[in-house]
């Protein structure tokens, strides 16, 4: 699978708690510290991506046209999004938000 396809499967999966849809399915939210452990720290057959460093993962996001965006916690569209973002923020974790017009929960055919 390509990088965007793997990313899509991760965001859609309940298996990963460090990455989720935000802004009504138009952005990807990533809890950076948790993502490093949960995804990039995997080894062997459980490994999702070839890279192990956050910098390399972000480089892939940029390569595929994702741009970093700022997010206001008070504007979350749904209660689950708000609770996830609030919990991550209260844990003093850094949450990154990335947007790509072709990466939208409502339009998987754009991948």
C-alpha atoms as a PDB file:
ATOM      1  CA  UNK A   1       0.000   0.000   0.000  1.00  0.00           C
ATOM      2  CA  UNK A   2       1.070   3.565  -0.606  1.00  0.00           C
ATOM      3  CA  UNK A   3       1.736   5.989   2.250  1.00  0.00           C
ATOM      4  CA  UNK A   4      -1.673   7.743   1.880  1.00  0.00           C
ATOM      5  CA  UNK A   5      -3.476   4.381   1.798  1.00  0.00           C
ATOM      6  CA  UNK A   6      -1.715   3.206   4.975  1.00  0.00           C
ATOM      7  CA  UNK A   7      -2.468   6.531   6.643  1.00  0.00           C
ATOM      8  CA  UNK A   8      -6.140   6.256   5.653  1.00  0.00           C
ATOM      9  CA  UNK A   9      -6.411   2.761   7.140  1.00  0.00           C
ATOM     10  CA  UNK A  10      -4.813   3.962  10.373  1.00  0.00           C
ATOM     11  CA  UNK A  11      -7.140   6.940  10.760  1.00  0.00           C
ATOM     12  CA  UNK A  12     -10.166   4.738  10.050  1.00  0.00           C
ATOM     13  CA  UNK A  13      -9.028   2.007  12.469  1.00  0.00           C
ATOM     14  CA  UNK A  14      -9.986   1.767  16.122  1.00  0.00           C
ATOM     15  CA  UNK A  15      -6.636   0.089  16.722  1.00  0.00           C
ATOM     16  CA  UNK A  16      -4.706   3.383  16.897  1.00  0.00           C
ATOM     17  CA  UNK A  17      -5.385   5.965  19.591  1.00  0.00           C
ATOM     18  CA  UNK A  18      -2.688   8.418  18.506  1.00  0.00           C
ATOM     19  CA  UNK A  19      -4.238   9.442  15.182  1.00  0.00           C
ATOM     20  CA  UNK A  20      -7.808  10.397  14.265  1.00  0.00           C
ATOM     21  CA  UNK A  21      -9.978  12.466  11.951  1.00  0.00           C
ATOM     22  CA  UNK A  22     -10.461  16.075  12.979  1.00  0.00           C
ATOM     23  CA  UNK A  23     -12.413  19.019  11.580  1.00  0.00           C
ATOM     24  CA  UNK A  24     -15.272  16.836  10.452  1.00  0.00           C
ATOM     25  CA  UNK A  25     -13.068  14.389   8.571  1.00  0.00           C
ATOM     26  CA  UNK A  26     -11.064  16.978   6.655  1.00  0.00           C
ATOM     27  CA  UNK A  27      -7.882  16.915   8.743  1.00  0.00           C
ATOM     28  CA  UNK A  28      -5.739  14.316  10.417  1.00  0.00           C
ATOM     29  CA  UNK A  29      -4.939  14.910  14.097  1.00  0.00           C
ATOM     30  CA  UNK A  30      -1.837  13.260  15.527  1.00  0.00           C
ATOM     31  CA  UNK A  31      -0.856  13.067  19.180  1.00  0.00           C
ATOM     32  CA  UNK A  32       2.871  13.310  18.525  1.00  0.00           C
ATOM     33  CA  UNK A  33       4.277  11.583  21.623  1.00  0.00           C
ATOM     34  CA  UNK A  34       1.753   8.764  21.568  1.00  0.00           C
ATOM     35  CA  UNK A  35       2.208   8.317  17.798  1.00  0.00           C
ATOM     36  CA  UNK A  36       5.968   7.896  18.250  1.00  0.00           C
ATOM     37  CA  UNK A  37       5.379   5.012  20.647  1.00  0.00           C
ATOM     38  CA  UNK A  38       2.262   3.440  19.159  1.00  0.00           C
ATOM     39  CA  UNK A  39       3.144   3.588  15.464  1.00  0.00           C
ATOM     40  CA  UNK A  40       6.753   4.544  14.812  1.00  0.00           C
ATOM     41  CA  UNK A  41       8.017   2.389  17.681  1.00  0.00           C
ATOM     42  CA  UNK A  42       6.609  -0.824  16.219  1.00  0.00           C
ATOM     43  CA  UNK A  43       9.052  -3.433  15.003  1.00  0.00           C
ATOM     44  CA  UNK A  44       8.961  -6.581  12.928  1.00  0.00           C
ATOM     45  CA  UNK A  45       5.695  -7.682  11.306  1.00  0.00           C
ATOM     46  CA  UNK A  46       3.685  -5.110  13.312  1.00  0.00           C
ATOM     47  CA  UNK A  47       5.560  -2.198  11.710  1.00  0.00           C
ATOM     48  CA  UNK A  48       3.274   0.127   9.736  1.00  0.00           C
ATOM     49  CA  UNK A  49       5.813   2.469   8.113  1.00  0.00           C
ATOM     50  CA  UNK A  50       9.471   1.950   7.264  1.00  0.00           C
ATOM     51  CA  UNK A  51      10.490   5.074   9.180  1.00  0.00           C
ATOM     52  CA  UNK A  52      11.023   5.259  12.940  1.00  0.00           C
ATOM     53  CA  UNK A  53      11.432   9.010  13.388  1.00  0.00           C
ATOM     54  CA  UNK A  54       8.710  11.643  13.507  1.00  0.00           C
ATOM     55  CA  UNK A  55      10.749  13.925  11.258  1.00  0.00           C
ATOM     56  CA  UNK A  56      10.717  11.276   8.512  1.00  0.00           C
ATOM     57  CA  UNK A  57       6.969  10.723   8.923  1.00  0.00           C
ATOM     58  CA  UNK A  58       6.312  14.472   8.604  1.00  0.00           C
ATOM     59  CA  UNK A  59       8.551  14.565   5.541  1.00  0.00           C
ATOM     60  CA  UNK A  60       6.291  11.907   3.964  1.00  0.00           C
ATOM     61  CA  UNK A  61       3.192  13.933   4.837  1.00  0.00           C
ATOM     62  CA  UNK A  62       4.722  16.969   3.144  1.00  0.00           C
ATOM     63  CA  UNK A  63       5.798  14.903   0.125  1.00  0.00           C
ATOM     64  CA  UNK A  64       2.181  13.793  -0.372  1.00  0.00           C
ATOM     65  CA  UNK A  65       0.833  17.349  -0.200  1.00  0.00           C
ATOM     66  CA  UNK A  66      -0.256  17.584   3.428  1.00  0.00           C
ATOM     67  CA  UNK A  67       0.100  20.961   5.093  1.00  0.00           C
ATOM     68  CA  UNK A  68       0.264  21.654   8.803  1.00  0.00           C
ATOM     69  CA  UNK A  69      -2.662  23.677  10.132  1.00  0.00           C
ATOM     70  CA  UNK A  70      -3.424  25.349  13.460  1.00  0.00           C
ATOM     71  CA  UNK A  71      -6.491  24.188  15.341  1.00  0.00           C
ATOM     72  CA  UNK A  72      -8.648  25.820  17.994  1.00  0.00           C
ATOM     73  CA  UNK A  73      -9.820  23.230  20.563  1.00  0.00           C
ATOM     74  CA  UNK A  74     -13.097  25.036  21.040  1.00  0.00           C
ATOM     75  CA  UNK A  75     -14.208  24.426  17.458  1.00  0.00           C
ATOM     76  CA  UNK A  76     -14.262  20.630  17.249  1.00  0.00           C
ATOM     77  CA  UNK A  77     -17.168  19.425  15.179  1.00  0.00           C
ATOM     78  CA  UNK A  78     -18.106  16.308  17.133  1.00  0.00           C
ATOM     79  CA  UNK A  79     -18.026  15.314  20.767  1.00  0.00           C
ATOM     80  CA  UNK A  80     -15.597  12.385  20.223  1.00  0.00           C
ATOM     81  CA  UNK A  81     -13.179  14.714  18.404  1.00  0.00           C
ATOM     82  CA  UNK A  82     -13.430  17.310  21.138  1.00  0.00           C
ATOM     83  CA  UNK A  83     -12.906  14.753  23.909  1.00  0.00           C
ATOM     84  CA  UNK A  84      -9.928  13.163  22.166  1.00  0.00           C
ATOM     85  CA  UNK A  85      -8.288  16.530  21.560  1.00  0.00           C
ATOM     86  CA  UNK A  86      -9.025  17.764  25.071  1.00  0.00           C
ATOM     87  CA  UNK A  87      -7.642  14.566  26.635  1.00  0.00           C
ATOM     88  CA  UNK A  88      -4.477  14.804  24.563  1.00  0.00           C
ATOM     89  CA  UNK A  89      -4.039  18.482  25.412  1.00  0.00           C
ATOM     90  CA  UNK A  90      -4.580  17.876  29.112  1.00  0.00           C
ATOM     91  CA  UNK A  91      -1.887  15.211  29.009  1.00  0.00           C
ATOM     92  CA  UNK A  92       0.517  17.931  27.802  1.00  0.00           C
ATOM     93  CA  UNK A  93       0.918  16.202  24.477  1.00  0.00           C
ATOM     94  CA  UNK A  94       1.561  18.023  21.270  1.00  0.00           C
ATOM     95  CA  UNK A  95      -1.203  17.530  18.721  1.00  0.00           C
ATOM     96  CA  UNK A  96      -0.344  18.074  15.073  1.00  0.00           C
ATOM     97  CA  UNK A  97      -3.011  18.754  12.450  1.00  0.00           C
ATOM     98  CA  UNK A  98      -2.450  18.087   8.766  1.00  0.00           C
ATOM     99  CA  UNK A  99      -4.706  18.875   5.834  1.00  0.00           C
ATOM    100  CA  UNK A 100      -4.745  17.617   2.272  1.00  0.00           C
ATOM    101  CA  UNK A 101      -7.716  18.361  -0.038  1.00  0.00           C
ATOM    102  CA  UNK A 102      -7.488  14.800  -1.410  1.00  0.00           C
ATOM    103  CA  UNK A 103      -7.516  13.198   2.042  1.00  0.00           C
ATOM    104  CA  UNK A 104     -11.093  13.495   3.230  1.00  0.00           C
ATOM    105  CA  UNK A 105     -13.159  10.990   5.212  1.00  0.00           C
ATOM    106  CA  UNK A 106     -16.198  11.603   3.000  1.00  0.00           C
ATOM    107  CA  UNK A 107     -14.302  11.093  -0.280  1.00  0.00           C
ATOM    108  CA  UNK A 108     -11.974   8.046  -0.134  1.00  0.00           C
ATOM    109  CA  UNK A 109     -11.976   7.909  -3.937  1.00  0.00           C
ATOM    110  CA  UNK A 110      -9.707  10.998  -3.944  1.00  0.00           C
ATOM    111  CA  UNK A 111      -6.819   8.997  -2.500  1.00  0.00           C
END
